[in-house]
């Protein structure tokens, strides 16, 4: 359901306070950056697999570390023991960012600190955690327990990790080997690793015995969601893992954008890169995109068909084309369910329409030849 704020009358005293605070923030952070692309901030997208926004955010954290900018934000106690920089080579520096802390889109055009704070409306700080490869693998396994994403796994999937410097895959057809409940919450520790495979780290072979510096947030450092491996950091016997004074938005992300040519987020982020591969299930969006490619990637005349498919999304052209051709009607007049799991019934009807037939000519009684024919939804017969 969409809410039109124009239908509400604001409280004058609250509106006045908000506007006054906005002026203060604008004066404190006058920087205005640019973006050539819209980065996908939808909950379903970020909790079901790799996204352009997840890549961008994780890249900012890793850049903040390997550029050396992070060095100015180590605390006095760390500096006193010589822990004033990242303690491993750049090739062993990676970043993890949980999907639950990606809350909104970044749109094409001006990008201000207020826009970044819509994505992350929390005062998170940057943390450094030293893990072995085996620990890193276990953390990714536990964090992926909410996949495949669905209405039922909506909360679990908040722990899904976006990455920079890592290529990994998740076999979502396998059952997560759940151990004990973590902190009496909905997540469980990973009893074993049987769904996640790390294929490379910064282009090099993954090494379970190597020590990696994981750049993340103070929330994950302290065990947010299912970040129990990051919180325990058992192999860090030197106790070098730490929370810095750097704010994720105000320092890491803003400084990263400022470092880009013309302080602009470019079309390099318009498509995902294959950092994360999820197998074992198929989404509605990816299947329609596949049909679109088979058809030769024809252009659509109208892109605004469904409210949950923003213009500029990597599948928007494909879904608009399919809607124009009558291949898909969405799950409602306004919703396509871009990241919904594709059912066997939905696949059958999409293929049938794609092949140029008119599905309405089928006689419903034809379905009685199947034992489960009565369960076929009327709207997709």
Protein backbone atom coordinates (compact mmCIF):
# COMPACT_ATOMS: atom_id res chain seq x y z
CA UNK A 1 0.00 0.00 0.00
CA UNK A 2 1.30 3.45 -0.95
CA UNK A 3 0.77 6.38 1.43
CA UNK A 4 0.40 9.86 -0.03
CA UNK A 5 1.86 12.34 2.46
CA UNK A 6 -0.24 15.05 0.85
CA UNK A 7 -3.25 13.46 2.52
CA UNK A 8 -1.90 14.41 5.94
CA UNK A 9 -1.81 17.80 7.65
CA UNK A 10 1.56 18.24 9.41
CA UNK A 11 1.82 19.46 12.97
CA UNK A 12 3.21 22.96 12.64
CA UNK A 13 5.49 22.76 15.68
CA UNK A 14 6.97 19.44 14.52
CA UNK A 15 7.39 20.68 10.94
CA UNK A 16 9.12 23.82 12.21
CA UNK A 17 11.55 21.78 14.29
CA UNK A 18 12.29 19.47 11.37
CA UNK A 19 12.97 22.39 9.02
CA UNK A 20 15.24 24.06 11.56
CA UNK A 21 17.22 20.86 12.01
CA UNK A 22 17.43 20.45 8.23
CA UNK A 23 19.09 23.86 7.95
CA UNK A 24 21.61 22.88 10.63
CA UNK A 25 22.43 19.63 8.81
CA UNK A 26 22.74 21.38 5.44
CA UNK A 27 25.21 23.86 6.96
CA UNK A 28 27.22 21.08 8.59
CA UNK A 29 27.35 18.91 5.47
CA UNK A 30 27.12 21.15 2.42
CA UNK A 31 28.69 18.63 0.06
CA UNK A 32 26.59 17.69 -2.90
CA UNK A 33 27.74 14.71 -4.93
CA UNK A 34 26.21 13.21 -8.06
CA UNK A 35 24.94 9.85 -9.22
CA UNK A 36 24.43 8.79 -12.83
CA UNK A 37 22.43 5.74 -11.76
CA UNK A 38 19.70 4.77 -9.34
CA UNK A 39 20.96 2.23 -6.80
CA UNK A 40 18.37 -0.34 -5.75
CA UNK A 41 17.30 0.14 -2.14
CA UNK A 42 14.31 -2.21 -2.12
CA UNK A 43 14.13 -4.59 0.81
CA UNK A 44 13.37 -7.63 -1.34
CA UNK A 45 16.33 -6.99 -3.64
CA UNK A 46 18.89 -6.43 -0.92
CA UNK A 47 17.78 -9.38 1.16
CA UNK A 48 17.72 -11.87 -1.70
CA UNK A 49 21.07 -11.41 -3.46
CA UNK A 50 23.70 -9.07 -4.84
CA UNK A 51 22.60 -5.52 -5.66
CA UNK A 52 24.23 -2.39 -7.03
CA UNK A 53 23.57 -0.58 -3.75
CA UNK A 54 25.09 -3.39 -1.70
CA UNK A 55 28.18 -3.39 -3.91
CA UNK A 56 28.55 0.37 -3.66
CA UNK A 57 28.17 0.45 0.12
CA UNK A 58 30.61 -2.41 0.71
CA UNK A 59 33.09 -0.87 -1.75
CA UNK A 60 33.02 2.36 0.25
CA UNK A 61 34.00 0.52 3.42
CA UNK A 62 36.80 -1.44 1.81
CA UNK A 63 38.13 1.68 0.07
CA UNK A 64 38.07 3.53 3.39
CA UNK A 65 40.42 0.89 4.80
CA UNK A 66 42.84 0.28 1.93
CA UNK A 67 43.13 3.99 1.09
CA UNK A 68 44.48 4.62 4.58
CA UNK A 69 41.73 7.14 5.39
CA UNK A 70 40.66 4.91 8.25
CA UNK A 71 44.01 5.49 10.01
CA UNK A 72 42.90 8.87 11.35
CA UNK A 73 40.02 7.27 13.26
CA UNK A 74 41.67 4.69 15.49
CA UNK A 75 41.13 5.40 19.18
CA UNK A 76 43.81 6.41 21.68
CA UNK A 77 43.95 2.97 23.29
CA UNK A 78 44.56 1.34 19.92
CA UNK A 79 47.19 3.89 18.96
CA UNK A 80 48.98 3.29 22.27
CA UNK A 81 49.58 -0.36 21.36
CA UNK A 82 50.46 0.34 17.74
CA UNK A 83 47.05 -0.64 16.35
CA UNK A 84 46.77 2.47 14.23
CA UNK A 85 46.29 0.95 10.78
CA UNK A 86 45.01 -2.16 9.01
CA UNK A 87 47.29 -5.02 10.04
CA UNK A 88 47.13 -7.09 6.83
CA UNK A 89 47.98 -6.43 3.20
CA UNK A 90 45.31 -4.89 0.95
CA UNK A 91 44.76 -8.20 -0.83
CA UNK A 92 43.42 -9.61 2.45
CA UNK A 93 41.05 -6.72 3.21
CA UNK A 94 37.35 -7.36 2.59
CA UNK A 95 34.09 -5.68 3.59
CA UNK A 96 30.78 -7.11 4.80
CA UNK A 97 27.53 -5.17 5.06
CA UNK A 98 24.23 -6.66 6.18
CA UNK A 99 21.15 -6.20 4.01
CA UNK A 100 19.02 -5.02 6.93
CA UNK A 101 21.04 -1.82 7.03
CA UNK A 102 20.27 -0.84 3.46
CA UNK A 103 16.98 1.02 3.88
CA UNK A 104 16.34 3.13 0.77
CA UNK A 105 17.28 3.92 -2.81
CA UNK A 106 20.00 6.31 -3.96
CA UNK A 107 18.50 8.14 -6.93
CA UNK A 108 20.00 9.65 -10.04
CA UNK A 109 21.01 13.29 -9.61
CA UNK A 110 22.29 15.11 -6.56
CA UNK A 111 23.44 13.00 -3.61
CA UNK A 112 23.61 14.68 -0.21
CA UNK A 113 24.31 13.43 3.27
CA UNK A 114 20.56 13.34 3.84
CA UNK A 115 20.22 10.92 0.92
CA UNK A 116 22.92 8.68 2.36
CA UNK A 117 21.22 8.77 5.74
CA UNK A 118 18.03 7.52 4.17
CA UNK A 119 19.98 4.44 3.15
CA UNK A 120 21.50 4.10 6.62
CA UNK A 121 19.45 6.03 9.19
CA UNK A 122 21.64 4.86 12.09
CA UNK A 123 24.85 6.37 13.52
CA UNK A 124 26.92 3.26 12.80
CA UNK A 125 30.68 3.49 13.03
CA UNK A 126 33.32 1.57 11.08
CA UNK A 127 34.77 -1.54 12.69
CA UNK A 128 37.70 -3.79 11.81
CA UNK A 129 37.52 -7.49 12.62
CA UNK A 130 40.32 -9.98 12.03
CA UNK A 131 39.04 -13.43 11.05
CA UNK A 132 40.57 -16.53 9.58
CA UNK A 133 39.21 -17.71 6.27
CA UNK A 134 37.36 -20.52 8.05
CA UNK A 135 35.68 -18.01 10.35
CA UNK A 136 34.78 -15.74 7.45
CA UNK A 137 33.19 -18.71 5.66
CA UNK A 138 31.14 -19.65 8.72
CA UNK A 139 29.91 -16.07 9.10
CA UNK A 140 28.71 -15.97 5.49
CA UNK A 141 27.02 -19.37 5.93
CA UNK A 142 25.12 -18.19 9.00
CA UNK A 143 24.24 -14.84 7.43
CA UNK A 144 22.64 -16.53 4.41
CA UNK A 145 20.18 -18.66 6.39
CA UNK A 146 17.25 -16.49 5.25
CA UNK A 147 17.71 -17.44 1.59
CA UNK A 148 15.79 -18.10 -0.54
CA UNK A 149 14.05 -14.84 0.32
CA UNK A 150 10.29 -14.97 0.85
CA UNK A 151 7.59 -13.39 2.99
CA UNK A 152 8.36 -16.04 5.60
CA UNK A 153 12.12 -15.35 5.65
CA UNK A 154 11.81 -11.57 5.44
CA UNK A 155 13.36 -10.98 8.88
CA UNK A 156 15.93 -13.77 8.68
CA UNK A 157 17.25 -12.41 5.40
CA UNK A 158 18.15 -9.08 7.02
CA UNK A 159 21.45 -10.74 7.99
CA UNK A 160 22.41 -11.51 4.37
CA UNK A 161 25.85 -10.05 3.67
CA UNK A 162 26.81 -7.84 0.76
CA UNK A 163 30.53 -7.88 0.10
CA UNK A 164 33.53 -6.15 -1.39
CA UNK A 165 36.68 -8.09 -2.20
CA UNK A 166 34.91 -11.47 -2.08
CA UNK A 167 33.24 -13.70 -4.64
CA UNK A 168 31.01 -16.32 -3.10
CA UNK A 169 28.03 -18.50 -3.90
CA UNK A 170 25.05 -19.82 -1.96
CA UNK A 171 23.26 -23.05 -2.85
CA UNK A 172 19.80 -22.13 -1.59
CA UNK A 173 18.40 -25.54 -2.53
CA UNK A 174 20.24 -27.04 0.43
CA UNK A 175 18.78 -26.89 3.91
CA UNK A 176 20.63 -24.65 6.35
CA UNK A 177 22.19 -26.79 9.09
CA UNK A 178 20.80 -24.89 12.06
CA UNK A 179 22.48 -25.16 15.43
CA UNK A 180 21.35 -23.51 18.63
CA UNK A 181 19.29 -20.32 18.63
CA UNK A 182 21.45 -17.21 18.82
CA UNK A 183 20.69 -14.95 21.75
CA UNK A 184 17.17 -16.42 21.88
CA UNK A 185 16.32 -14.72 18.59
CA UNK A 186 15.05 -16.01 15.24
CA UNK A 187 18.54 -16.78 13.91
CA UNK A 188 20.54 -19.94 14.56
CA UNK A 189 24.26 -20.55 14.51
CA UNK A 190 25.60 -22.64 11.64
CA UNK A 191 26.20 -26.22 12.75
CA UNK A 192 28.18 -26.81 9.56
CA UNK A 193 29.02 -25.09 6.28
CA UNK A 194 27.10 -26.74 3.47
CA UNK A 195 25.56 -23.92 1.40
CA UNK A 196 28.22 -21.22 1.01
CA UNK A 197 31.42 -21.42 -1.03
CA UNK A 198 33.99 -18.61 -1.18
CA UNK A 199 35.58 -18.70 -4.61
CA UNK A 200 38.13 -15.90 -4.34
CA UNK A 201 39.28 -12.96 -2.26
CA UNK A 202 40.42 -9.91 -4.22
CA UNK A 203 41.13 -12.15 -7.20
CA UNK A 204 43.24 -14.60 -5.20
CA UNK A 205 42.38 -18.15 -4.10
CA UNK A 206 40.45 -18.28 -0.84
CA UNK A 207 42.52 -19.60 2.07
CA UNK A 208 40.79 -20.94 5.17
CA UNK A 209 43.97 -20.45 7.21
CA UNK A 210 44.72 -16.88 6.09
CA UNK A 211 43.86 -13.89 8.26
CA UNK A 212 41.50 -11.38 6.69
CA UNK A 213 40.61 -7.88 7.86
CA UNK A 214 36.84 -7.56 7.65
CA UNK A 215 35.59 -3.98 7.46
CA UNK A 216 32.04 -3.73 8.76
CA UNK A 217 29.92 -1.82 11.28
CA UNK A 218 30.07 -1.56 15.05
CA UNK A 219 26.67 -3.31 15.11
CA UNK A 220 28.07 -6.40 13.40
CA UNK A 221 31.19 -6.16 15.58
CA UNK A 222 28.87 -6.52 18.57
CA UNK A 223 26.91 -9.44 17.14
CA UNK A 224 23.93 -7.87 15.39
CA UNK A 225 21.43 -10.33 13.88
CA UNK A 226 23.53 -13.49 13.46
CA UNK A 227 27.01 -11.90 13.42
CA UNK A 228 28.23 -14.23 16.17
CA UNK A 229 31.50 -15.04 14.39
CA UNK A 230 32.33 -11.35 14.03
CA UNK A 231 31.48 -10.84 17.70
CA UNK A 232 33.52 -13.81 18.96
CA UNK A 233 36.54 -13.26 16.65
CA UNK A 234 38.19 -16.22 18.40
CA UNK A 235 41.33 -16.27 16.27
CA UNK A 236 42.18 -12.63 17.07
CA UNK A 237 44.45 -13.52 19.95
CA UNK A 238 46.23 -10.16 19.69
CA UNK A 239 42.90 -8.40 20.26
CA UNK A 240 43.48 -6.07 17.30
CA UNK A 241 39.87 -6.03 16.16
CA UNK A 242 38.35 -2.68 17.06
CA UNK A 243 35.63 -0.13 16.53
CA UNK A 244 36.94 3.15 15.13
CA UNK A 245 35.48 6.62 15.62
CA UNK A 246 34.68 6.95 11.90
CA UNK A 247 30.99 7.19 11.01
CA UNK A 248 29.94 4.95 8.16
CA UNK A 249 27.95 7.66 6.34
CA UNK A 250 29.71 10.86 7.36
CA UNK A 251 33.21 9.54 6.78
CA UNK A 252 33.54 6.24 4.90
CA UNK A 253 30.78 6.62 2.31
CA UNK A 254 31.05 10.37 1.80
CA UNK A 255 34.82 10.25 1.46
CA UNK A 256 34.53 7.36 -0.98
CA UNK A 257 32.18 9.30 -3.25
CA UNK A 258 34.44 12.36 -3.01
CA UNK A 259 37.33 10.19 -4.22
CA UNK A 260 35.48 9.13 -7.37
CA UNK A 261 36.07 11.07 -10.61
CA UNK A 262 33.99 14.26 -10.45
CA UNK A 263 32.60 12.98 -7.12
CA UNK A 264 30.09 10.98 -9.14
CA UNK A 265 28.67 7.48 -8.77
CA UNK A 266 28.91 6.28 -12.34
CA UNK A 267 27.25 3.68 -14.53
CA UNK A 268 29.90 1.22 -13.32
CA UNK A 269 27.35 0.38 -10.63
CA UNK A 270 24.40 -0.01 -12.98
CA UNK A 271 24.66 -3.81 -13.00
CA UNK A 272 25.71 -6.43 -10.50
CA UNK A 273 29.11 -8.02 -11.03
CA UNK A 274 28.69 -11.63 -9.97
CA UNK A 275 30.24 -11.13 -6.54
CA UNK A 276 27.42 -13.22 -5.08
CA UNK A 277 25.75 -16.08 -6.91
CA UNK A 278 22.60 -17.61 -5.45
CA UNK A 279 21.60 -20.94 -6.97
CA UNK A 280 18.82 -23.38 -6.23
CA UNK A 281 15.89 -21.12 -6.98
CA UNK A 282 14.74 -18.66 -9.61
CA UNK A 283 13.13 -15.25 -9.15
CA UNK A 284 10.32 -13.88 -11.28
CA UNK A 285 12.49 -10.98 -12.41
CA UNK A 286 15.44 -13.07 -13.51
CA UNK A 287 13.23 -15.47 -15.46
CA UNK A 288 11.49 -12.70 -17.41
CA UNK A 289 14.92 -11.15 -18.07
CA UNK A 290 16.03 -14.48 -19.53
CA UNK A 291 13.00 -14.58 -21.85
CA UNK A 292 13.78 -11.01 -22.87
CA UNK A 293 17.34 -11.98 -23.84
CA UNK A 294 16.04 -14.98 -25.81
CA UNK A 295 13.81 -12.58 -27.75
CA UNK A 296 16.82 -10.43 -28.67
CA UNK A 297 16.43 -7.78 -25.93
CA UNK A 298 13.83 -5.64 -27.75
CA UNK A 299 13.07 -2.17 -26.38
CA UNK A 300 9.85 -1.41 -24.52
CA UNK A 301 7.84 1.71 -25.33
CA UNK A 302 6.68 2.32 -21.75
CA UNK A 303 8.79 1.48 -18.68
CA UNK A 304 6.41 2.41 -15.87
CA UNK A 305 4.22 -0.67 -15.59
CA UNK A 306 4.68 -1.76 -11.98
CA UNK A 307 5.35 0.28 -8.86
CA UNK A 308 7.91 -2.21 -7.52
CA UNK A 309 10.06 -2.09 -10.69
CA UNK A 310 11.80 1.30 -10.73
CA UNK A 311 13.00 2.80 -13.99
CA UNK A 312 16.70 2.15 -14.39
CA UNK A 313 16.55 -1.23 -12.68
CA UNK A 314 18.51 -3.88 -14.56
CA UNK A 315 15.27 -5.79 -15.25
CA UNK A 316 12.96 -2.83 -15.93
CA UNK A 317 13.28 -3.02 -19.73
CA UNK A 318 12.64 -6.76 -19.75
CA UNK A 319 9.61 -6.59 -17.48
CA UNK A 320 8.10 -3.65 -19.37
CA UNK A 321 8.56 -5.55 -22.64
CA UNK A 322 6.90 -8.64 -21.16
CA UNK A 323 3.98 -6.56 -19.86
CA UNK A 324 3.49 -4.88 -23.23
CA UNK A 325 3.46 -8.26 -24.98
CA UNK A 326 0.98 -9.71 -22.50
CA UNK A 327 3.52 -12.23 -21.27
CA UNK A 328 3.08 -11.07 -17.68
CA UNK A 329 0.29 -9.30 -15.86
CA UNK A 330 2.18 -9.09 -12.56
CA UNK A 331 0.79 -10.44 -9.32
CA UNK A 332 -1.57 -7.44 -9.26
CA UNK A 333 -2.29 -4.39 -11.37
CA UNK A 334 0.53 -2.48 -9.68
CA UNK A 335 2.98 -5.12 -8.44
CA UNK A 336 5.25 -7.51 -10.32
CA UNK A 337 6.97 -9.16 -7.32
CA UNK A 338 10.40 -8.74 -8.85
CA UNK A 339 12.25 -10.88 -6.32
CA UNK A 340 9.49 -13.37 -5.59
CA UNK A 341 10.30 -17.03 -6.05
CA UNK A 342 9.15 -18.29 -9.45
CA UNK A 343 6.72 -21.18 -9.00
CA UNK A 344 6.26 -24.06 -11.42
CA UNK A 345 2.82 -22.70 -12.31
CA UNK A 346 4.15 -19.23 -13.04
CA UNK A 347 6.95 -20.60 -15.20
CA UNK A 348 4.47 -22.62 -17.24
CA UNK A 349 2.21 -19.65 -17.94
CA UNK A 350 5.08 -17.30 -18.79
CA UNK A 351 6.52 -19.80 -21.26
CA UNK A 352 3.07 -20.42 -22.74
CA UNK A 353 2.45 -16.72 -23.33
CA UNK A 354 6.00 -16.21 -24.58
CA UNK A 355 5.40 -18.76 -27.29
CA UNK A 356 2.65 -16.56 -28.69
CA UNK A 357 -0.45 -18.48 -27.67
CA UNK A 358 -3.54 -17.12 -25.91
CA UNK A 359 -3.85 -18.88 -22.64
CA UNK A 360 -7.59 -18.21 -22.23
CA UNK A 361 -8.44 -20.79 -24.92
CA UNK A 362 -7.53 -23.60 -22.55
CA UNK A 363 -10.45 -25.47 -21.10
CA UNK A 364 -10.19 -25.67 -17.28
CA UNK A 365 -11.34 -29.28 -17.34
CA UNK A 366 -8.09 -30.13 -19.09
CA UNK A 367 -6.35 -29.84 -15.75
CA UNK A 368 -8.20 -32.81 -14.29
CA UNK A 369 -5.70 -35.05 -16.06
CA UNK A 370 -3.18 -34.08 -13.36
CA UNK A 371 -3.55 -35.30 -9.81
CA UNK A 372 -2.91 -31.79 -8.51
CA UNK A 373 -4.79 -30.03 -11.31
CA UNK A 374 -7.36 -28.56 -8.93
CA UNK A 375 -4.60 -26.63 -7.14
CA UNK A 376 -3.62 -24.63 -10.25
CA UNK A 377 -4.54 -21.03 -9.56
CA UNK A 378 -7.36 -19.76 -11.77
CA UNK A 379 -5.57 -16.52 -12.64
CA UNK A 380 -2.62 -18.34 -14.24
CA UNK A 381 -4.39 -21.23 -15.95
